Amino acid sequence: MTVLRLGPLLRYVGEAAATVWVETGLPCTVEVRCADGAGGRAPTFQVSGHHYALVTVRGLTAGTATGYEVFLDGTPVWPPTTDGAARFPPPEIRAPAPAARGRTAADRPADPPVRVAFGSCRWAAATPDGTDPVGPDALAALAARLVADPEAPRPDVLLLLGDQVYADEVSPATRRWLATRRDLDEPPGAQVTEYEEYTRLYYESWLDPAVRWLLSTVPSCMVFDDHDVIDDWNTSASWLADIRATPWWRERILSGLMSYWVYQHLGNLPPDALDRDEVYARVRATPDGTGALRAFAVAADAHPTRVRWSYRRDFGRVRVVIADTRAARVLDEQHRAMLAPEEAHWLREQALDAPGSYDHLLIGTSLPWLLPPLVHDGEVWSAALCRGERGARWAGIGERLRRGADLEHWAAFPESFDWLTGLVAEAGSGPGAPASVYVLSGDVHHAYVAEPTRWPAGPAPAARVLQLTCSPLHNSVPAHFVVAFRFGWSRLARVLGRLLGAHGRSGRRTTAWTRRGGPWFGNHLMTLTLHGRGSRLRLDRARSGADGEPRLDTTWDSSLTP
């Protein structure tokens, strides 16, 4: 008899259908049965000796919630029946009500609020004695809040915006496990190198009982960032050339893309997209889909622009567009772009499609668009040096700075920064403009709210435009980060930024922005509540309660509606 190794993860949830992801110990048929009669089943598929299924649950009733169970070959395996599991409520699938229709807000009945919780950078690092070197986990704290009050409002979706696992910064427990497999004195040392080792990271990250329950009952959307593969992934053409020259990189990148496809990407897709997905069909068509998935990873590595990791989800009248800002880059120094032309075109299409059909546009990008001004100016300066504006010697200095200080956000791709600024302005302007355009990001190990105050051309958009950054969910915040990011918003920092611009011959910025909240440091989770044309933002910090259990304390709670 097989066992449930990982999951269930509730991924896509629509008005009539949902998807549930699992990993099992052996090949079997996975069935999801809902209390209201909805359900679905699927045989497992195999990748590198592991068995998975993504079950499409059909027959949901819009606007209702139903409990569900998971069966493997007819044997119930979830919810678990162990003593410790009794503290968690049964998992539910909550199908949203149909979005209200009407030409104007006055013509439409009020939709229920849509709650979007988000963050990034979650390092699984608990030690065997139960202590946690980086403090309480924001996801575990969210689970504790929902368990303590099952009737409390819960997120309609959890957006995990990168660094779900750390392939290059493993926990002490994983390091010891890796040492039983190979010599860690040989490159790349205590980093993962192959598919089996990536699976270990996901077990470590998603098997915590509280987080496992949370992911079984709150739908999630995910996208990778660099640490899901390696720090600085695709930061520059010279970085890529250097890493490809190492003997271990090819297996690392192929395994990273394969594991991301299995553990994260598949669940981002709605059922109709899964039905059309040729890779998914090929992997399931054979007893062992490893070869088919590896061939896909080879093609994705060789021709990144032929693969789309980005996706769009609509939640009532809230549109969420998640952009891949890692694999889709153009790295030629003279034509650097955060998004290849095909990806940029796709993102623009999704953001501008059917104006008037949505009240809020959320653009999810793991890397912030608006940074503390000095950090932004430093990245623009580094990009100018690397482009050769000050000659070959300074180009080398710029590249070392770029790698050493992680200068690789939108600002490090100046033309892409201007392009995204223009897209945000266009999406928030004109007939049918939404009430808000929010860029949701993580990566930078602190949280803040920033708002543009000057646009490069034309009047400000009618929509409220904000950069909302939340990171980390569970990681350390080095002291120098605190100093640098606080100083980065200061007046003196703006003066230094102008000096860097003059040295790099990049000119003065045509876009300006200011900080509306933060910076905040610690393990945090942001939650947007979007209701009609209004929106509200809450920032919660994970702390340890008197009983040792994690809890969420509200750091900031404010209306975003002008």
Protein backbone atom coordinates (compact mmCIF):
# COMPACT_ATOMS: atom_id res chain seq x y z
CA MET A 1 0.00 0.00 0.00
CA THR A 2 1.30 3.41 -0.94
CA VAL A 3 1.52 6.50 1.26
CA LEU A 4 1.00 10.24 0.82
CA ARG A 5 4.54 11.62 0.84
CA LEU A 6 3.76 15.30 0.29
CA GLY A 7 0.65 17.42 -0.03
CA PRO A 8 -2.15 17.78 -0.67
CA LEU A 9 -1.61 21.28 -2.00
CA LEU A 10 -4.72 23.13 -3.08
CA ARG A 11 -3.60 25.09 -6.13
CA TYR A 12 -6.09 26.45 -8.68
CA VAL A 13 -9.64 27.14 -7.45
CA GLY A 14 -12.33 28.41 -9.80
CA GLU A 15 -16.11 28.68 -9.71
CA ALA A 16 -16.66 25.06 -10.80
CA ALA A 17 -13.26 23.32 -10.65
CA ALA A 18 -10.08 23.13 -8.60
CA THR A 19 -6.76 21.28 -8.72
CA VAL A 20 -5.10 19.36 -5.89
CA TRP A 21 -1.42 18.32 -6.11
CA VAL A 22 0.10 15.35 -4.27
CA GLU A 23 3.23 13.21 -4.18
CA THR A 24 2.81 9.54 -3.33
CA GLY A 25 5.17 6.71 -2.41
CA LEU A 26 4.16 4.35 -5.25
CA PRO A 27 2.13 4.45 -8.46
CA CYS A 28 -1.58 4.62 -7.70
CA THR A 29 -4.85 6.34 -8.51
CA VAL A 30 -5.42 9.52 -6.50
CA GLU A 31 -9.00 10.55 -5.80
CA VAL A 32 -10.36 13.70 -4.21
CA ARG A 33 -13.88 13.42 -2.78
CA CYS A 34 -15.77 16.50 -1.64
CA ALA A 35 -18.55 16.56 0.91
CA ASP A 36 -20.95 18.16 -1.60
CA GLY A 37 -20.41 15.40 -4.19
CA ALA A 38 -17.79 17.15 -6.32
CA GLY A 39 -14.58 15.27 -6.97
CA GLY A 40 -12.01 13.93 -9.38
CA ARG A 41 -9.36 11.29 -9.82
CA ALA A 42 -6.08 10.89 -11.68
CA PRO A 43 -3.36 8.26 -12.01
CA THR A 44 0.08 9.24 -10.80
CA PHE A 45 2.90 10.05 -13.20
CA GLN A 46 6.55 9.29 -12.54
CA VAL A 47 9.60 11.55 -12.64
CA SER A 48 13.00 10.30 -11.50
CA GLY A 49 11.54 7.58 -9.28
CA HIS A 50 8.95 9.89 -7.65
CA HIS A 51 5.20 9.68 -8.17
CA TYR A 52 2.87 12.67 -8.51
CA ALA A 53 -0.68 13.54 -9.41
CA LEU A 54 -2.54 16.75 -10.10
CA VAL A 55 -6.22 15.97 -9.61
CA THR A 56 -8.83 18.18 -11.25
CA VAL A 57 -11.86 18.43 -8.98
CA ARG A 58 -15.03 19.15 -10.95
CA GLY A 59 -18.59 19.88 -9.96
CA LEU A 60 -17.95 22.61 -7.39
CA THR A 61 -20.78 25.03 -6.64
CA ALA A 62 -19.79 28.67 -7.02
CA GLY A 63 -19.96 30.67 -3.82
CA THR A 64 -19.83 27.66 -1.48
CA ALA A 65 -17.24 25.84 0.62
CA THR A 66 -16.89 22.08 0.82
CA GLY A 67 -14.61 19.81 2.81
CA TYR A 68 -12.57 17.22 0.95
CA GLU A 69 -10.69 13.98 1.47
CA VAL A 70 -7.83 12.38 -0.48
CA PHE A 71 -7.79 8.66 -1.29
CA LEU A 72 -4.96 6.56 -2.73
CA ASP A 73 -6.28 3.43 -4.46
CA GLY A 74 -9.44 3.82 -2.41
CA THR A 75 -7.71 4.21 0.96
CA PRO A 76 -8.26 7.51 2.79
CA VAL A 77 -4.99 9.31 3.56
CA TRP A 78 -6.04 12.94 4.14
CA PRO A 79 -7.03 14.46 6.50
CA PRO A 80 -4.60 12.47 8.67
CA THR A 81 -5.89 10.60 11.71
CA THR A 82 -2.80 10.95 13.93
CA ASP A 83 -3.24 12.53 17.35
CA GLY A 84 -1.40 15.72 16.43
CA ALA A 85 -3.56 16.26 13.35
CA ALA A 86 -6.71 16.70 15.42
CA ARG A 87 -5.89 20.36 16.08
CA PHE A 88 -6.30 21.26 12.41
CA PRO A 89 -9.79 21.78 10.92
CA PRO A 90 -10.70 19.65 7.87
CA PRO A 91 -9.39 21.18 4.64
CA GLU A 92 -11.88 22.98 2.44
CA ILE A 93 -12.25 24.10 -1.15
CA ARG A 94 -14.00 27.46 -1.30
CA ALA A 95 -15.31 28.11 -4.80
CA PRO A 96 -15.66 31.83 -5.52
CA ALA A 97 -18.96 33.37 -6.51
CA PRO A 98 -19.28 34.57 -10.11
CA ALA A 99 -17.97 38.07 -10.66
CA ALA A 100 -20.61 40.75 -10.87
CA ARG A 101 -21.15 42.24 -14.31
CA GLY A 102 -22.18 45.73 -15.38
CA ARG A 103 -20.84 48.62 -17.38
CA THR A 104 -20.21 50.78 -14.32
CA ALA A 105 -19.69 50.15 -10.63
CA ALA A 106 -23.16 51.59 -9.99
CA ASP A 107 -24.70 48.99 -12.32
CA ARG A 108 -23.12 46.04 -10.50
CA PRO A 109 -24.08 44.34 -7.27
CA ALA A 110 -21.28 44.31 -4.73
CA ASP A 111 -18.85 41.41 -5.03
CA PRO A 112 -17.52 39.78 -1.87
CA PRO A 113 -14.02 40.99 -0.96
CA VAL A 114 -11.00 39.27 -2.48
CA ARG A 115 -8.10 38.71 -0.08
CA VAL A 116 -4.64 38.23 -1.56
CA ALA A 117 -1.84 37.31 0.86
CA PHE A 118 1.72 37.40 -0.44
CA GLY A 119 5.39 37.28 0.38
CA SER A 120 8.62 35.58 -0.62
CA CYS A 121 11.86 34.07 0.66
CA ARG A 122 10.99 31.13 2.88
CA TRP A 123 13.98 29.17 4.18
CA ALA A 124 13.25 25.85 5.91
CA ALA A 125 15.82 25.79 8.69
CA ALA A 126 14.35 24.47 11.94
CA THR A 127 16.85 22.47 13.99
CA PRO A 128 16.12 19.03 15.51
CA ASP A 129 15.58 20.55 18.97
CA GLY A 130 12.77 22.72 17.62
CA THR A 131 14.60 26.05 17.75
CA ASP A 132 14.52 28.29 14.71
CA PRO A 133 17.63 30.31 13.82
CA VAL A 134 15.70 32.86 11.74
CA GLY A 135 12.63 33.35 13.92
CA PRO A 136 8.98 32.35 13.54
CA ASP A 137 7.67 31.38 10.10
CA ALA A 138 4.99 33.75 8.76
CA LEU A 139 3.15 30.89 7.01
CA ALA A 140 3.09 28.79 10.18
CA ALA A 141 1.83 31.87 12.05
CA LEU A 142 -0.93 32.37 9.47
CA ALA A 143 -1.93 28.73 9.93
CA ALA A 144 -2.05 29.22 13.70
CA ARG A 145 -4.32 32.26 13.27
CA LEU A 146 -6.75 30.36 11.03
CA VAL A 147 -6.78 27.32 13.31
CA ALA A 148 -7.49 29.48 16.36
CA ASP A 149 -10.42 31.17 14.59
CA PRO A 150 -11.76 29.03 11.72
CA GLU A 151 -14.47 31.63 10.99
CA ALA A 152 -11.97 34.48 10.59
CA PRO A 153 -11.46 35.87 7.07
CA ARG A 154 -8.87 33.81 5.24
CA PRO A 155 -6.93 34.56 2.06
CA ASP A 156 -8.61 33.67 -1.20
CA VAL A 157 -5.13 33.03 -2.60
CA LEU A 158 -1.58 32.89 -1.31
CA LEU A 159 0.99 34.32 -3.73
CA LEU A 160 4.47 32.91 -3.09
CA LEU A 161 6.71 35.27 -5.06
CA GLY A 162 10.00 33.42 -5.18
CA ASP A 163 12.58 31.50 -3.19
CA GLN A 164 10.19 28.78 -2.08
CA VAL A 165 13.31 26.64 -1.60
CA TYR A 166 16.99 27.50 -1.27
CA ALA A 167 19.09 25.27 -3.49
CA ASP A 168 22.27 27.12 -2.58
CA GLU A 169 21.72 27.76 1.16
CA VAL A 170 20.64 24.47 2.68
CA SER A 171 19.74 23.81 6.30
CA PRO A 172 22.15 22.00 8.65
CA ALA A 173 19.97 18.88 8.42
CA THR A 174 20.08 18.87 4.63
CA ARG A 175 23.82 19.50 4.68
CA ARG A 176 24.30 16.37 6.79
CA TRP A 177 22.08 14.42 4.40
CA LEU A 178 24.05 15.67 1.38
CA ALA A 179 27.28 14.57 3.08
CA THR A 180 26.00 10.98 3.09
CA ARG A 181 25.65 11.14 -0.71
CA ARG A 182 28.87 12.82 -1.87
CA ASP A 183 32.01 14.70 -0.88
CA LEU A 184 31.03 18.24 0.07
CA ASP A 185 34.62 19.40 -0.39
CA GLU A 186 34.03 19.06 -4.14
CA PRO A 187 32.14 21.85 -5.95
CA PRO A 188 29.45 22.95 -5.51
CA GLY A 189 29.81 21.85 -1.91
CA ALA A 190 26.73 21.92 0.29
CA GLN A 191 24.36 22.87 -2.51
CA VAL A 192 21.91 20.67 -4.34
CA THR A 193 23.04 19.24 -7.65
CA GLU A 194 20.36 16.86 -8.93
CA TYR A 195 16.64 16.12 -8.93
CA GLU A 196 16.65 13.86 -5.85
CA GLU A 197 18.29 16.59 -3.82
CA TYR A 198 15.72 19.15 -4.96
CA THR A 199 12.94 16.86 -3.73
CA ARG A 200 14.55 16.94 -0.29
CA LEU A 201 14.18 20.73 -0.23
CA TYR A 202 10.47 20.54 -0.93
CA TYR A 203 9.91 17.89 1.75
CA GLU A 204 11.73 20.04 4.25
CA SER A 205 9.77 23.14 3.27
CA TRP A 206 6.25 21.71 2.96
CA LEU A 207 6.08 18.90 5.54
CA ASP A 208 5.80 21.16 8.59
CA PRO A 209 2.34 20.18 9.93
CA ALA A 210 0.99 23.74 10.17
CA VAL A 211 2.26 24.77 6.74
CA ARG A 212 1.10 21.50 5.22
CA TRP A 213 -2.42 22.10 6.53
CA LEU A 214 -2.35 25.72 5.34
CA LEU A 215 -1.36 24.73 1.80
CA SER A 216 -4.07 22.07 1.76
CA THR A 217 -6.85 24.60 2.41
CA VAL A 218 -5.68 27.97 1.01
CA PRO A 219 -5.11 28.08 -2.78
CA SER A 220 -1.58 29.06 -3.80
CA CYS A 221 0.17 30.55 -6.82
CA MET A 222 3.95 30.43 -7.11
CA VAL A 223 6.84 31.72 -9.18
CA PHE A 224 10.57 31.10 -8.88
CA ASP A 225 13.34 33.53 -8.07
CA ASP A 226 17.09 32.98 -8.02
CA HIS A 227 17.52 30.81 -4.90
CA ASP A 228 15.07 28.25 -6.29
CA VAL A 229 18.04 27.49 -8.57
CA ILE A 230 21.07 29.52 -7.42
CA ASP A 231 21.88 33.02 -6.17
CA ASP A 232 22.31 35.55 -9.02
CA TRP A 233 20.66 33.21 -11.53
CA ASN A 234 20.90 34.94 -14.93
CA THR A 235 22.28 38.17 -13.51
CA SER A 236 24.44 38.79 -16.61
CA ALA A 237 25.89 37.22 -19.75
CA SER A 238 29.33 36.87 -18.14
CA TRP A 239 27.81 35.21 -15.07
CA LEU A 240 26.05 32.72 -17.30
CA ALA A 241 29.23 31.97 -19.25
CA ASP A 242 31.16 31.42 -16.02
CA ILE A 243 28.56 29.10 -14.47
CA ARG A 244 28.17 27.07 -17.66
CA ALA A 245 31.91 26.36 -17.56
CA THR A 246 31.56 24.45 -14.27
CA PRO A 247 31.12 20.66 -14.48
CA TRP A 248 28.13 20.57 -12.12
CA TRP A 249 25.95 23.35 -13.55
CA ARG A 250 24.17 21.50 -16.34
CA GLU A 251 22.68 18.89 -14.03
CA ARG A 252 21.85 21.62 -11.52
CA ILE A 253 19.87 23.76 -13.95
CA LEU A 254 18.09 20.86 -15.63
CA SER A 255 17.06 19.39 -12.29
CA GLY A 256 16.03 22.81 -11.04
CA LEU A 257 13.74 23.40 -14.01
CA MET A 258 12.33 19.88 -13.83
CA SER A 259 11.56 20.11 -10.12
CA TYR A 260 10.08 23.59 -10.48
CA TRP A 261 7.77 22.31 -13.24
CA VAL A 262 6.58 19.44 -11.03
CA TYR A 263 6.35 21.08 -7.62
CA GLN A 264 5.36 24.65 -8.49
CA HIS A 265 4.52 25.41 -12.11
CA LEU A 266 1.90 22.73 -12.84
CA GLY A 267 -0.34 23.93 -10.04
CA ASN A 268 -0.36 27.48 -11.40
CA LEU A 269 -2.28 26.35 -14.47
CA PRO A 270 -6.09 26.16 -14.67
CA PRO A 271 -7.65 22.88 -15.86
CA ASP A 272 -8.23 24.07 -19.43
CA ALA A 273 -4.55 25.04 -19.76
CA LEU A 274 -3.50 21.67 -18.35
CA ASP A 275 -5.65 19.95 -20.97
CA ARG A 276 -3.73 21.80 -23.70
CA ASP A 277 -0.25 21.43 -22.20
CA GLU A 278 1.86 19.22 -24.47
CA VAL A 279 4.60 18.64 -21.90
CA TYR A 280 2.07 17.51 -19.31
CA ALA A 281 0.54 15.13 -21.85
CA ARG A 282 3.93 13.65 -22.81
CA VAL A 283 5.01 13.17 -19.18
CA ARG A 284 1.78 11.32 -18.36
CA ALA A 285 1.75 9.27 -21.55
CA THR A 286 4.59 6.92 -20.52
CA PRO A 287 5.23 4.80 -17.40
CA ASP A 288 8.26 6.99 -16.68
CA GLY A 289 8.00 10.64 -17.72
CA THR A 290 11.58 11.51 -16.74
CA GLY A 291 12.88 11.53 -20.30
CA ALA A 292 10.08 13.71 -21.61
CA LEU A 293 10.47 16.23 -18.78
CA ARG A 294 14.24 16.28 -19.09
CA ALA A 295 13.96 16.97 -22.82
CA PHE A 296 11.68 19.89 -21.99
CA ALA A 297 14.21 21.22 -19.45
CA VAL A 298 17.03 20.94 -22.00
CA ALA A 299 14.98 22.98 -24.47
CA ALA A 300 13.99 25.50 -21.79
CA ASP A 301 17.63 26.03 -20.83
CA ALA A 302 18.84 26.33 -24.42
CA HIS A 303 15.94 28.49 -25.65
CA PRO A 304 14.39 30.27 -22.63
CA THR A 305 12.09 32.47 -24.72
CA ARG A 306 10.26 29.40 -26.07
CA VAL A 307 8.94 28.53 -22.60
CA ARG A 308 6.43 30.63 -20.70
CA TRP A 309 6.53 30.38 -16.92
CA SER A 310 4.40 33.53 -16.53
CA TYR A 311 0.64 33.21 -16.08
CA ARG A 312 -2.55 35.10 -15.35
CA ARG A 313 -5.32 34.45 -12.85
CA ASP A 314 -8.57 36.37 -12.37
CA PHE A 315 -10.31 36.44 -8.99
CA GLY A 316 -13.67 38.03 -9.62
CA ARG A 317 -12.85 41.56 -10.71
CA VAL A 318 -9.25 41.32 -9.52
CA ARG A 319 -6.70 40.47 -12.18
CA VAL A 320 -3.38 38.92 -11.15
CA VAL A 321 -0.57 38.66 -13.70
CA ILE A 322 2.56 36.84 -12.51
CA ALA A 323 5.69 37.61 -14.52
CA ASP A 324 8.80 35.42 -14.77
CA THR A 325 11.72 37.78 -14.18
CA ARG A 326 14.45 35.11 -14.08
CA ALA A 327 14.39 32.72 -17.01
CA ALA A 328 13.00 35.18 -19.58
CA ARG A 329 15.85 37.72 -19.45
CA VAL A 330 17.93 39.04 -22.33
CA LEU A 331 21.53 39.22 -21.09
CA ASP A 332 23.45 40.81 -23.97
CA GLU A 333 25.00 43.91 -22.33
CA GLN A 334 23.99 46.16 -25.20
CA HIS A 335 20.38 44.88 -25.27
CA ARG A 336 19.71 43.87 -21.67
CA ALA A 337 16.06 43.30 -20.82
CA MET A 338 14.29 41.86 -17.81
CA LEU A 339 11.78 40.27 -20.18
CA ALA A 340 12.42 38.97 -23.67
CA PRO A 341 10.26 40.72 -26.30
CA GLU A 342 7.84 37.80 -26.44
CA GLU A 343 7.35 37.89 -22.68
CA ALA A 344 6.99 41.66 -22.60
CA HIS A 345 4.35 41.47 -25.32
CA TRP A 346 2.46 38.78 -23.40
CA LEU A 347 2.56 40.74 -20.14
CA ARG A 348 1.28 43.87 -21.86
CA GLU A 349 -1.57 41.92 -23.48
CA GLN A 350 -2.66 40.45 -20.15
CA ALA A 351 -2.46 43.75 -18.29
CA LEU A 352 -4.46 45.67 -20.89
CA ASP A 353 -6.94 42.99 -21.95
CA ALA A 354 -10.62 44.01 -21.72
CA PRO A 355 -10.36 47.32 -19.85
CA GLY A 356 -13.31 47.86 -17.59
CA SER A 357 -13.66 44.16 -16.81
CA TYR A 358 -11.56 44.38 -13.65
CA ASP A 359 -11.32 46.82 -10.75
CA HIS A 360 -7.78 46.03 -9.63
CA LEU A 361 -4.65 44.93 -11.50
CA LEU A 362 -1.95 43.14 -9.52
CA ILE A 363 1.37 42.54 -11.28
CA GLY A 364 3.39 39.94 -9.42
CA THR A 365 7.14 40.08 -10.01
CA SER A 366 9.61 38.50 -7.62
CA LEU A 367 11.90 41.53 -7.98
CA PRO A 368 10.67 45.00 -6.94
CA TRP A 369 10.02 47.64 -9.57
CA LEU A 370 10.49 50.60 -7.18
CA LEU A 371 13.45 50.24 -4.80
CA PRO A 372 14.92 52.62 -2.23
CA PRO A 373 16.22 55.43 -4.50
CA LEU A 374 19.92 54.93 -3.73
CA VAL A 375 19.66 51.20 -4.48
CA HIS A 376 17.89 52.03 -7.75
CA ASP A 377 20.52 54.59 -8.75
CA GLY A 378 23.31 52.18 -7.82
CA GLU A 379 21.85 49.52 -10.09
CA VAL A 380 21.46 51.95 -12.99
CA TRP A 381 25.06 53.07 -12.46
CA SER A 382 26.34 49.49 -12.39
CA ALA A 383 24.43 48.70 -15.60
CA ALA A 384 25.99 51.75 -17.29
CA LEU A 385 29.48 50.68 -16.24
CA CYS A 386 28.91 47.12 -17.47
CA ARG A 387 27.65 48.51 -20.75
CA GLY A 388 31.00 50.23 -21.19
CA GLU A 389 30.06 53.86 -20.54
CA ARG A 390 33.31 54.42 -18.59
CA GLY A 391 35.58 51.98 -20.41
CA ALA A 392 36.75 48.39 -19.94
CA ARG A 393 38.26 48.79 -16.47
CA TRP A 394 35.08 50.27 -15.04
CA ALA A 395 33.05 47.60 -16.85
CA GLY A 396 34.90 44.96 -14.83
CA ILE A 397 34.26 46.90 -11.62
CA GLY A 398 30.58 47.19 -12.50
CA GLU A 399 30.25 43.45 -13.05
CA ARG A 400 31.91 42.62 -9.74
CA LEU A 401 29.60 45.06 -7.97
CA ARG A 402 26.57 43.64 -9.75
CA ARG A 403 27.34 40.10 -8.61
CA GLY A 404 28.61 40.96 -5.14
CA ALA A 405 25.75 43.28 -4.18
CA ASP A 406 22.94 41.53 -6.11
CA LEU A 407 22.32 44.57 -8.33
CA GLU A 408 19.90 42.83 -10.67
CA HIS A 409 16.40 44.22 -10.12
CA TRP A 410 14.32 46.13 -12.66
CA ALA A 411 16.62 49.12 -12.19
CA ALA A 412 19.56 47.03 -13.43
CA PHE A 413 17.70 46.73 -16.74
CA PRO A 414 17.02 50.46 -17.28
CA GLU A 415 15.05 50.13 -20.51
CA SER A 416 12.88 47.44 -18.92
CA PHE A 417 12.29 49.65 -15.90
CA ASP A 418 11.07 52.43 -18.19
CA TRP A 419 8.95 49.94 -20.13
CA LEU A 420 7.26 48.62 -16.97
CA THR A 421 6.69 52.18 -15.76
CA GLY A 422 4.97 52.97 -19.04
CA LEU A 423 2.87 49.81 -18.88
CA VAL A 424 1.72 50.57 -15.33
CA ALA A 425 0.80 54.13 -16.34
CA GLU A 426 -1.07 52.94 -19.42
CA ALA A 427 -2.95 50.25 -17.52
CA GLY A 428 -4.05 52.80 -14.92
CA SER A 429 -5.24 55.42 -17.42
CA GLY A 430 -8.03 55.97 -19.89
CA PRO A 431 -11.61 54.68 -20.13
CA GLY A 432 -12.26 51.62 -18.01
CA ALA A 433 -9.11 52.11 -15.92
CA PRO A 434 -9.01 50.05 -12.74
CA ALA A 435 -9.10 51.67 -9.33
CA SER A 436 -5.58 50.46 -8.59
CA VAL A 437 -2.48 49.01 -10.18
CA TYR A 438 -0.27 47.37 -7.57
CA VAL A 439 3.11 45.77 -8.22
CA LEU A 440 3.64 42.94 -5.72
CA SER A 441 7.22 41.82 -5.03
CA GLY A 442 9.59 40.25 -2.52
CA ASP A 443 13.30 39.33 -2.65
CA VAL A 444 14.86 42.20 -0.68
CA HIS A 445 14.34 40.89 2.89
CA HIS A 446 12.25 43.77 4.13
CA ALA A 447 8.81 45.24 3.52
CA TYR A 448 7.73 48.68 2.34
CA VAL A 449 5.13 50.61 0.36
CA ALA A 450 6.27 53.05 -2.34
CA GLU A 451 4.26 55.38 -4.59
CA PRO A 452 5.30 57.21 -7.78
CA THR A 453 5.22 61.00 -7.44
CA ARG A 454 6.49 61.93 -10.91
CA TRP A 455 5.93 60.10 -14.18
CA PRO A 456 8.23 60.35 -17.21
CA ALA A 457 5.56 61.56 -19.63
CA GLY A 458 2.04 62.86 -19.39
CA PRO A 459 -0.18 63.16 -16.34
CA ALA A 460 -0.29 60.64 -13.52
CA PRO A 461 -2.61 57.68 -14.14
CA ALA A 462 -6.09 57.83 -12.63
CA ALA A 463 -5.56 54.53 -10.81
CA ARG A 464 -3.74 54.36 -7.48
CA VAL A 465 -0.29 52.96 -8.24
CA LEU A 466 1.87 51.40 -5.53
CA GLN A 467 4.86 49.12 -5.14
CA LEU A 468 4.04 46.61 -2.37
CA THR A 469 7.07 44.63 -1.23
CA CYS A 470 7.01 41.86 1.38
CA SER A 471 10.03 39.71 2.24
CA PRO A 472 11.00 37.46 3.92
CA LEU A 473 8.35 35.00 5.02
CA HIS A 474 11.02 33.11 6.93
CA ASN A 475 14.66 34.12 6.70
CA SER A 476 17.30 36.25 8.36
CA VAL A 477 17.70 39.98 7.93
CA PRO A 478 21.41 40.87 8.25
CA ALA A 479 22.22 44.06 10.13
CA HIS A 480 23.83 45.66 7.08
CA PHE A 481 20.54 45.18 5.19
CA VAL A 482 18.75 47.21 7.82
CA VAL A 483 21.29 50.04 7.66
CA ALA A 484 21.48 50.08 3.86
CA PHE A 485 17.76 49.99 3.19
CA ARG A 486 16.94 52.61 5.80
CA PHE A 487 19.66 54.92 4.46
CA GLY A 488 18.56 54.25 0.87
CA TRP A 489 15.43 56.40 1.33
CA SER A 490 17.23 59.38 2.89
CA ARG A 491 17.89 62.81 1.34
CA LEU A 492 21.63 62.21 1.42
CA ALA A 493 21.10 58.95 -0.44
CA ARG A 494 19.27 60.82 -3.19
CA VAL A 495 22.24 63.17 -3.54
CA LEU A 496 24.64 60.22 -3.77
CA GLY A 497 22.35 58.65 -6.35
CA ARG A 498 22.60 61.73 -8.56
CA LEU A 499 26.39 61.60 -8.30
CA LEU A 500 26.37 57.97 -9.40
CA GLY A 501 24.14 58.87 -12.32
CA ALA A 502 26.55 61.58 -13.41
CA HIS A 503 29.53 59.23 -13.19
CA GLY A 504 27.73 56.54 -15.18
CA ARG A 505 26.49 59.06 -17.72
CA SER A 506 22.99 57.72 -17.25
CA GLY A 507 21.36 61.10 -16.57
CA ARG A 508 18.74 61.94 -13.96
CA ARG A 509 15.77 59.72 -13.32
CA THR A 510 12.58 60.76 -15.07
CA THR A 511 10.44 58.82 -12.59
CA ALA A 512 10.32 59.69 -8.90
CA TRP A 513 8.68 57.92 -5.99
CA THR A 514 8.37 58.19 -2.26
CA ARG A 515 7.98 55.81 0.64
CA ARG A 516 4.45 55.57 2.03
CA GLY A 517 5.19 52.89 4.60
CA GLY A 518 8.18 51.09 6.06
CA PRO A 519 10.82 49.92 5.83
CA TRP A 520 9.87 47.05 8.13
CA PHE A 521 12.22 44.21 9.03
CA GLY A 522 11.42 40.70 10.20
CA ASN A 523 9.38 37.76 8.94
CA HIS A 524 6.24 39.31 7.43
CA LEU A 525 3.13 38.55 5.39
CA MET A 526 1.16 41.19 3.46
CA THR A 527 -2.57 40.85 2.79
CA LEU A 528 -4.49 42.95 0.29
CA THR A 529 -8.26 43.11 0.74
CA LEU A 530 -9.93 44.29 -2.46
CA HIS A 531 -13.63 45.14 -2.26
CA GLY A 532 -15.43 46.92 -5.05
CA ARG A 533 -13.16 49.81 -6.05
CA GLY A 534 -11.60 50.01 -2.60
CA SER A 535 -8.53 48.30 -1.19
CA ARG A 536 -6.86 47.85 2.16
CA LEU A 537 -3.39 46.58 3.07
CA ARG A 538 -2.37 44.81 6.24
CA LEU A 539 1.17 43.84 7.14
CA ASP A 540 1.59 41.15 9.81
CA ARG A 541 4.83 40.15 11.50
CA ALA A 542 5.46 36.62 12.77
CA ARG A 543 6.41 36.47 16.44
CA SER A 544 6.68 33.78 19.10
CA GLY A 545 3.74 33.64 21.50
CA ALA A 546 4.00 33.00 25.22
CA ASP A 547 3.22 29.34 24.54
CA GLY A 548 6.03 29.12 21.98
CA GLU A 549 3.59 28.95 19.07
CA PRO A 550 4.03 31.44 16.22
CA ARG A 551 1.52 34.27 15.93
CA LEU A 552 0.90 37.20 13.61
CA ASP A 553 1.00 40.72 15.04
CA THR A 554 -0.29 43.50 12.84
CA THR A 555 2.44 46.00 12.01
CA TRP A 556 0.49 48.21 9.62
CA ASP A 557 -3.16 48.33 8.55
CA SER A 558 -4.29 51.07 6.22
CA SER A 559 -6.77 51.87 3.49
CA LEU A 560 -5.10 52.31 0.11
CA THR A 561 -8.10 54.02 -1.44
CA PRO A 562 -7.37 57.74 -2.03
